[in-house]
């Protein structure tokens, strides 16, 4: 229907007319997806929600054996926009696939979502950084010039981009339908969480790879050590928690350290990475699950999928984030879940009065559903693309 309606127009003018009047969008995302890292969960939701809203959303490339349910295509010309989702260099397709995208989609309809703040001058915070030549082989200026060459617009998942030529777009979001156990009341949630005749196998579980998170994980473990095991078993799930990787030693990178002695004192278990679609169920086996933002992300205000997705699990999220970030992203009701420097005391209070904190969880879920749902995020993206 859309093509017949504008059949008297041609090329980009035809597309502009169709988009202006709110026709269904055809969006092609280009990135490397894996079952264990980066934005796979987020993009599955864009496909799902986009379809529900009447849009056509697909991933660029050959069909993936690891992700058979996602729609993949090489037919670039049928789409209105190509959206590159970039974390690392391999998120750009290899040749000749990249050439196909650049040849068949005009630059003014190519957009980059810069998930790691690459499109900035080189920034270092503690051991964290947005550019490190000895790790990925690309200097800072290459990222900026490369982005400029590929796309007409750069979006970053932060409310406050540093550069005036970058637009804010949080990208990640909360999906109310993914909540594992949508309790009706805080009393019901607290009763189930406290045991109800059973107990969760873990006191605290964190799912995330050991990359630029060690300083925060170490601090959390040191803070809870006085609880002397009363919290329950602790598990870290993801790559490189069991030992410091040899490549980090060779490159002199400090942000993937581990402390076997500390792990031993607290009885910390480590597990390999799990697929993205198993994360929420696994986290729900623990009473608590922390949400961390890397030091670089805190400086840039970048959010991740875990910023929102952890609230879908049957656990009490611990917002190990600056208070300002919690207010801006999760809302005022989430502040009791942000213990700051008083983690040990806060955990004790939660275990004594779980209903108070489950009230905060349920109110935060409602806030996220209203302000950060994937439906709302998709609408925000459409408005950006139509501007």
Protein backbone atom coordinates (compact mmCIF):
# COMPACT_ATOMS: atom_id res chain seq x y z
CA UNK A 1 0.00 0.00 0.00
CA UNK A 2 2.78 2.43 0.82
CA UNK A 3 4.51 1.94 -2.53
CA UNK A 4 1.29 2.36 -4.52
CA UNK A 5 0.38 5.49 -2.60
CA UNK A 6 3.63 7.26 -3.46
CA UNK A 7 4.30 5.66 -6.81
CA UNK A 8 4.37 9.03 -8.57
CA UNK A 9 7.45 10.02 -6.56
CA UNK A 10 10.97 8.67 -6.89
CA UNK A 11 14.09 7.94 -4.88
CA UNK A 12 14.72 9.74 -1.62
CA UNK A 13 11.80 12.11 -2.25
CA UNK A 14 9.45 9.14 -2.31
CA UNK A 15 10.81 7.87 0.99
CA UNK A 16 10.64 11.29 2.64
CA UNK A 17 6.96 11.66 1.71
CA UNK A 18 6.12 8.22 3.06
CA UNK A 19 7.98 8.73 6.31
CA UNK A 20 6.50 12.17 6.88
CA UNK A 21 3.02 10.73 6.94
CA UNK A 22 3.83 8.01 9.45
CA UNK A 23 4.02 5.00 7.17
CA UNK A 24 5.50 1.74 8.43
CA UNK A 25 9.27 1.92 8.76
CA UNK A 26 11.67 -0.62 7.30
CA UNK A 27 14.77 -0.71 9.50
CA UNK A 28 17.87 -2.81 8.91
CA UNK A 29 20.27 -3.22 11.86
CA UNK A 30 23.90 -4.05 11.13
CA UNK A 31 26.06 -5.51 13.91
CA UNK A 32 27.66 -8.74 15.09
CA UNK A 33 25.38 -10.67 17.42
CA UNK A 34 26.43 -13.43 19.77
CA UNK A 35 24.47 -15.42 22.31
CA UNK A 36 26.71 -14.32 25.18
CA UNK A 37 27.49 -10.61 24.85
CA UNK A 38 26.62 -7.09 23.74
CA UNK A 39 23.21 -6.04 22.36
CA UNK A 40 21.63 -9.33 21.32
CA UNK A 41 18.76 -9.16 23.84
CA UNK A 42 18.05 -5.53 22.94
CA UNK A 43 17.84 -6.22 19.22
CA UNK A 44 15.57 -9.25 19.68
CA UNK A 45 13.17 -6.85 21.39
CA UNK A 46 13.43 -4.29 18.58
CA UNK A 47 12.46 -7.01 16.11
CA UNK A 48 9.58 -8.18 18.32
CA UNK A 49 8.22 -4.74 19.22
CA UNK A 50 8.78 -3.32 15.75
CA UNK A 51 6.66 -6.09 14.25
CA UNK A 52 3.92 -5.49 16.85
CA UNK A 53 3.88 -1.80 15.90
CA UNK A 54 3.58 -2.59 12.19
CA UNK A 55 7.20 -1.96 11.20
CA UNK A 56 9.62 -4.23 9.35
CA UNK A 57 12.83 -4.83 11.30
CA UNK A 58 15.64 -7.17 10.26
CA UNK A 59 19.34 -7.85 10.80
CA UNK A 60 21.84 -7.50 7.97
CA UNK A 61 23.75 -10.60 6.98
CA UNK A 62 23.47 -14.32 6.40
CA UNK A 63 21.05 -16.24 8.59
CA UNK A 64 22.64 -17.11 11.94
CA UNK A 65 22.68 -20.70 13.16
CA UNK A 66 23.07 -19.41 16.74
CA UNK A 67 20.07 -17.06 16.43
CA UNK A 68 17.70 -18.86 14.04
CA UNK A 69 14.58 -16.93 15.06
CA UNK A 70 15.95 -13.51 14.07
CA UNK A 71 15.19 -12.31 10.54
CA UNK A 72 18.38 -11.81 8.53
CA UNK A 73 18.62 -10.41 5.01
CA UNK A 74 21.09 -9.09 2.46
CA UNK A 75 18.40 -7.14 0.60
CA UNK A 76 19.50 -3.62 1.56
CA UNK A 77 17.47 -1.60 -0.93
CA UNK A 78 14.06 -2.58 0.46
CA UNK A 79 14.82 -0.77 3.75
CA UNK A 80 14.44 2.88 4.68
CA UNK A 81 17.46 3.08 7.00
CA UNK A 82 20.52 1.08 7.99
CA UNK A 83 21.38 1.36 11.69
CA UNK A 84 24.86 0.24 12.71
CA UNK A 85 25.06 -0.87 16.37
CA UNK A 86 28.73 -0.55 17.29
CA UNK A 87 30.63 -1.79 20.33
CA UNK A 88 33.83 -3.21 18.83
CA UNK A 89 35.45 -3.16 15.36
CA UNK A 90 33.95 -6.53 14.38
CA UNK A 91 30.46 -5.03 14.66
CA UNK A 92 31.12 -3.47 11.26
CA UNK A 93 30.49 -6.13 8.60
CA UNK A 94 33.49 -7.42 6.69
CA UNK A 95 33.94 -6.81 3.00
CA UNK A 96 32.17 -7.32 0.66
CA UNK A 97 29.16 -6.98 2.98
CA UNK A 98 30.10 -3.50 4.21
CA UNK A 99 30.52 -2.36 0.62
CA UNK A 100 27.00 -3.58 -0.15
CA UNK A 101 25.59 -1.48 2.69
CA UNK A 102 27.52 1.63 1.68
CA UNK A 103 26.71 1.23 -2.01
CA UNK A 104 23.02 0.43 -1.67
CA UNK A 105 22.00 2.75 1.17
CA UNK A 106 22.62 6.51 0.82
CA UNK A 107 24.72 8.02 3.60
CA UNK A 108 21.87 10.29 4.77
CA UNK A 109 19.96 7.12 5.70
CA UNK A 110 22.83 5.44 7.53
CA UNK A 111 22.94 5.88 11.32
CA UNK A 112 25.37 4.63 13.99
CA UNK A 113 24.42 3.79 17.58
CA UNK A 114 27.73 4.22 19.39
CA UNK A 115 27.32 1.96 22.44
CA UNK A 116 30.77 2.52 23.97
CA UNK A 117 31.38 6.23 23.40
CA UNK A 118 33.92 5.62 20.64
CA UNK A 119 32.90 8.84 18.88
CA UNK A 120 34.79 11.06 21.33
CA UNK A 121 38.32 12.13 21.98
CA UNK A 122 40.29 9.49 23.90
CA UNK A 123 38.94 9.27 27.45
CA UNK A 124 40.48 7.31 30.32
CA UNK A 125 38.81 6.75 33.68
CA UNK A 126 40.77 4.62 36.15
CA UNK A 127 41.80 1.64 33.97
CA UNK A 128 38.86 2.15 31.60
CA UNK A 129 39.00 3.79 28.18
CA UNK A 130 37.07 4.28 24.96
CA UNK A 131 40.15 3.80 22.73
CA UNK A 132 43.10 1.49 23.25
CA UNK A 133 45.28 1.00 20.21
CA UNK A 134 47.19 -2.00 21.57
CA UNK A 135 43.95 -3.91 22.16
CA UNK A 136 41.94 -3.38 18.97
CA UNK A 137 44.56 -1.83 16.69
CA UNK A 138 42.64 1.40 16.05
CA UNK A 139 43.66 4.85 17.21
CA UNK A 140 41.13 7.34 18.53
CA UNK A 141 41.04 9.48 15.40
CA UNK A 142 40.29 6.39 13.30
CA UNK A 143 37.06 5.78 15.22
CA UNK A 144 35.88 9.36 14.72
CA UNK A 145 36.81 9.56 11.05
CA UNK A 146 35.44 6.07 10.41
CA UNK A 147 32.07 6.93 11.96
CA UNK A 148 31.93 10.16 9.94
CA UNK A 149 32.63 8.25 6.74
CA UNK A 150 29.98 5.59 7.35
CA UNK A 151 26.97 7.49 8.68
CA UNK A 152 25.25 10.86 8.64
CA UNK A 153 24.16 10.69 12.27
CA UNK A 154 25.69 9.34 15.47
CA UNK A 155 23.53 8.35 18.46
CA UNK A 156 24.82 7.43 21.90
CA UNK A 157 22.91 5.71 24.76
CA UNK A 158 23.36 8.60 27.18
CA UNK A 159 21.20 11.53 28.21
CA UNK A 160 24.19 13.88 27.93
CA UNK A 161 26.48 13.32 24.92
CA UNK A 162 29.78 15.19 25.17
CA UNK A 163 29.80 16.23 21.52
CA UNK A 164 27.29 18.67 20.05
CA UNK A 165 27.05 16.57 16.86
CA UNK A 166 25.87 13.46 18.76
CA UNK A 167 22.21 12.80 19.57
CA UNK A 168 20.96 11.19 22.76
CA UNK A 169 19.20 7.86 22.29
CA UNK A 170 19.23 5.38 25.17
CA UNK A 171 18.69 2.39 22.81
CA UNK A 172 18.33 -0.22 25.58
CA UNK A 173 15.01 -0.47 27.39
CA UNK A 174 12.70 -2.37 29.73
CA UNK A 175 10.21 -4.96 28.51
CA UNK A 176 7.29 -5.43 30.97
CA UNK A 177 6.31 -8.65 29.25
CA UNK A 178 9.67 -10.19 30.13
CA UNK A 179 9.19 -9.87 33.90
CA UNK A 180 9.65 -13.42 35.16
CA UNK A 181 7.28 -13.10 38.13
CA UNK A 182 5.01 -10.02 37.91
CA UNK A 183 3.88 -9.81 41.54
CA UNK A 184 0.66 -7.99 42.30
CA UNK A 185 1.84 -6.61 45.64
CA UNK A 186 5.06 -6.04 47.54
CA UNK A 187 3.81 -8.34 50.30
CA UNK A 188 3.39 -11.19 47.81
CA UNK A 189 6.85 -10.54 46.37
CA UNK A 190 8.51 -10.35 49.79
CA UNK A 191 6.83 -13.57 50.93
CA UNK A 192 8.08 -15.46 47.87
CA UNK A 193 11.55 -13.88 48.06
CA UNK A 194 11.99 -14.67 51.76
CA UNK A 195 11.42 -18.37 51.17
CA UNK A 196 7.81 -19.45 51.32
CA UNK A 197 9.01 -22.91 52.30
CA UNK A 198 11.94 -22.89 49.88
CA UNK A 199 15.10 -20.85 49.46
CA UNK A 200 17.00 -19.40 46.55
CA UNK A 201 20.29 -21.21 45.89
CA UNK A 202 22.27 -17.94 45.78
CA UNK A 203 22.40 -14.88 47.96
CA UNK A 204 23.96 -12.74 45.23
CA UNK A 205 24.49 -13.34 41.51
CA UNK A 206 26.17 -11.13 38.95
CA UNK A 207 26.06 -11.90 35.23
CA UNK A 208 28.56 -9.99 33.12
CA UNK A 209 31.98 -10.57 31.66
CA UNK A 210 35.11 -9.51 33.54
CA UNK A 211 35.96 -6.47 31.46
CA UNK A 212 36.36 -3.08 33.18
CA UNK A 213 34.21 -4.27 36.09
CA UNK A 214 36.78 -5.72 38.47
CA UNK A 215 37.28 -2.62 40.61
CA UNK A 216 33.54 -2.42 41.30
CA UNK A 217 33.09 -6.15 41.88
CA UNK A 218 36.06 -6.20 44.26
CA UNK A 219 34.66 -3.25 46.21
CA UNK A 220 31.26 -4.92 46.49
CA UNK A 221 32.78 -8.18 47.75
CA UNK A 222 34.92 -6.35 50.30
CA UNK A 223 31.86 -4.42 51.51
CA UNK A 224 29.79 -7.56 52.10
CA UNK A 225 32.60 -9.62 53.67
CA UNK A 226 31.50 -8.65 57.23
CA UNK A 227 28.24 -10.52 56.66
CA UNK A 228 30.31 -13.69 57.17
CA UNK A 229 28.33 -15.87 54.80
CA UNK A 230 24.87 -14.98 56.16
CA UNK A 231 24.03 -13.54 52.75
CA UNK A 232 24.28 -16.93 51.06
CA UNK A 233 26.32 -18.22 48.13
CA UNK A 234 27.83 -15.73 45.70
CA UNK A 235 28.31 -16.42 41.99
CA UNK A 236 29.95 -14.46 39.18
CA UNK A 237 28.91 -15.55 35.69
CA UNK A 238 30.82 -14.59 32.56
CA UNK A 239 34.17 -14.81 30.85
CA UNK A 240 37.44 -14.47 32.78
CA UNK A 241 36.17 -14.51 36.38
CA UNK A 242 37.95 -17.75 37.26
CA UNK A 243 41.45 -16.41 36.51
CA UNK A 244 43.22 -13.41 35.03
CA UNK A 245 43.54 -14.08 31.27
CA UNK A 246 47.01 -14.37 29.78
CA UNK A 247 46.25 -11.80 27.06
CA UNK A 248 45.55 -9.16 29.72
CA UNK A 249 48.90 -9.85 31.35
CA UNK A 250 50.69 -9.66 28.01
CA UNK A 251 49.05 -6.32 27.12
CA UNK A 252 49.38 -4.87 30.61
CA UNK A 253 45.63 -4.35 31.04
CA UNK A 254 44.66 -4.14 34.71
CA UNK A 255 40.86 -4.01 34.52
CA UNK A 256 40.36 -7.78 34.23
CA UNK A 257 42.02 -8.78 37.48
CA UNK A 258 40.70 -11.33 39.95
CA UNK A 259 41.55 -12.03 43.60
CA UNK A 260 41.51 -15.79 44.33
CA UNK A 261 42.14 -15.19 48.03
CA UNK A 262 39.13 -12.90 48.34
CA UNK A 263 37.03 -15.37 46.33
CA UNK A 264 38.17 -18.14 48.65
CA UNK A 265 37.31 -16.26 51.84
CA UNK A 266 33.79 -15.52 50.58
CA UNK A 267 33.25 -18.82 48.80
CA UNK A 268 32.66 -17.04 45.49
CA UNK A 269 31.73 -19.37 42.64
CA UNK A 270 32.57 -18.56 39.03
CA UNK A 271 30.82 -19.80 35.90
CA UNK A 272 31.34 -19.35 32.19
CA UNK A 273 29.11 -16.99 30.22
CA UNK A 274 25.50 -18.05 29.65
CA UNK A 275 23.26 -17.24 26.64
CA UNK A 276 21.39 -13.93 26.70
CA UNK A 277 17.99 -15.64 26.88
CA UNK A 278 18.92 -17.49 30.09
CA UNK A 279 20.12 -14.48 32.07
CA UNK A 280 16.87 -13.43 33.75
CA UNK A 281 15.98 -16.94 34.87
CA UNK A 282 19.45 -17.45 36.29
CA UNK A 283 19.56 -14.13 38.14
CA UNK A 284 16.20 -15.03 39.66
CA UNK A 285 17.94 -17.83 41.55
CA UNK A 286 19.59 -15.16 43.73
CA UNK A 287 18.12 -12.81 46.31
CA UNK A 288 20.22 -9.90 45.02
CA UNK A 289 21.84 -8.92 41.76
CA UNK A 290 24.01 -5.79 41.34
CA UNK A 291 23.85 -3.41 38.40
CA UNK A 292 27.22 -1.89 37.55
CA UNK A 293 28.22 0.69 34.96
CA UNK A 294 31.86 0.68 33.90
CA UNK A 295 33.90 3.72 35.06
CA UNK A 296 33.90 5.08 31.50
CA UNK A 297 30.15 4.59 31.28
CA UNK A 298 29.62 6.48 34.52
CA UNK A 299 31.59 9.44 33.18
CA UNK A 300 29.71 9.44 29.86
CA UNK A 301 26.32 8.48 31.36
CA UNK A 302 26.07 5.43 29.10
CA UNK A 303 23.42 2.81 29.85
CA UNK A 304 23.47 -0.90 29.00
CA UNK A 305 20.93 -3.67 28.59
CA UNK A 306 21.51 -4.72 32.22
CA UNK A 307 20.53 -1.19 33.37
CA UNK A 308 16.93 -2.14 32.60
CA UNK A 309 16.81 -5.90 32.07
CA UNK A 310 17.81 -6.81 35.64
CA UNK A 311 14.42 -5.50 36.78
CA UNK A 312 12.77 -8.30 34.80
CA UNK A 313 14.36 -10.97 36.99
CA UNK A 314 12.90 -12.35 40.23
CA UNK A 315 15.54 -10.66 42.37
CA UNK A 316 16.17 -7.40 44.19
CA UNK A 317 18.47 -5.29 41.99
CA UNK A 318 21.25 -3.42 43.77
CA UNK A 319 21.89 -0.17 41.90
CA UNK A 320 25.64 0.32 42.33
CA UNK A 321 25.37 3.61 40.45
CA UNK A 322 25.65 7.33 41.21
CA UNK A 323 22.50 8.71 42.81
CA UNK A 324 22.06 11.18 39.96
CA UNK A 325 22.01 8.34 37.44
CA UNK A 326 19.43 6.43 39.48
CA UNK A 327 17.17 9.48 39.64
CA UNK A 328 17.46 10.23 35.94
CA UNK A 329 17.05 6.67 34.66
CA UNK A 330 15.18 4.61 37.27
CA UNK A 331 13.23 7.35 39.05
CA UNK A 332 12.90 8.47 42.66
CA UNK A 333 11.26 5.23 43.80
CA UNK A 334 14.46 3.32 43.00
CA UNK A 335 16.64 5.24 45.48
CA UNK A 336 16.22 2.65 48.30
CA UNK A 337 17.85 0.15 45.90
CA UNK A 338 20.96 2.34 45.61
CA UNK A 339 22.98 1.61 48.77
CA UNK A 340 25.99 3.75 47.97
CA UNK A 341 28.72 3.23 50.56
CA UNK A 342 26.31 1.59 53.03
CA UNK A 343 25.92 -1.70 51.18
CA UNK A 344 26.42 -4.01 54.13
CA UNK A 345 23.92 -2.14 56.31
CA UNK A 346 21.43 -1.88 53.46
CA UNK A 347 21.55 -5.61 52.76
CA UNK A 348 20.88 -6.31 56.41
CA UNK A 349 17.89 -3.97 56.37
CA UNK A 350 16.52 -5.55 53.18
CA UNK A 351 16.68 -9.00 54.74
CA UNK A 352 14.84 -7.71 57.83
CA UNK A 353 12.23 -5.68 55.91
CA UNK A 354 11.99 -7.12 52.37
CA UNK A 355 8.49 -5.77 51.74
CA UNK A 356 9.76 -2.17 51.91
CA UNK A 357 12.32 -2.84 49.21
CA UNK A 358 10.06 -4.95 47.04
CA UNK A 359 7.74 -1.94 47.03
CA UNK A 360 10.65 0.00 45.54
CA UNK A 361 11.23 -2.74 42.94
CA UNK A 362 7.58 -2.82 41.85
CA UNK A 363 7.35 0.98 41.64
CA UNK A 364 10.57 1.09 39.64
CA UNK A 365 9.25 -1.55 37.25
CA UNK A 366 6.15 0.61 36.72
CA UNK A 367 8.32 3.68 36.14
CA UNK A 368 10.51 1.85 33.64
CA UNK A 369 7.44 0.51 31.85
CA UNK A 370 6.10 4.05 31.48
CA UNK A 371 9.32 5.87 30.59
CA UNK A 372 11.69 3.25 29.15
CA UNK A 373 9.65 0.56 27.42
CA UNK A 374 10.78 -0.81 24.06
CA UNK A 375 7.61 0.59 22.51
CA UNK A 376 8.53 4.04 23.72
CA UNK A 377 12.15 3.56 22.64
CA UNK A 378 11.05 2.48 19.16
CA UNK A 379 8.87 5.57 18.84
CA UNK A 380 11.83 7.72 19.91
CA UNK A 381 13.99 6.12 17.22
CA UNK A 382 11.36 6.70 14.54
CA UNK A 383 11.14 10.39 15.51
CA UNK A 384 14.92 10.73 15.32
CA UNK A 385 15.03 9.11 11.90
CA UNK A 386 12.17 11.27 10.59
CA UNK A 387 13.71 14.53 11.84
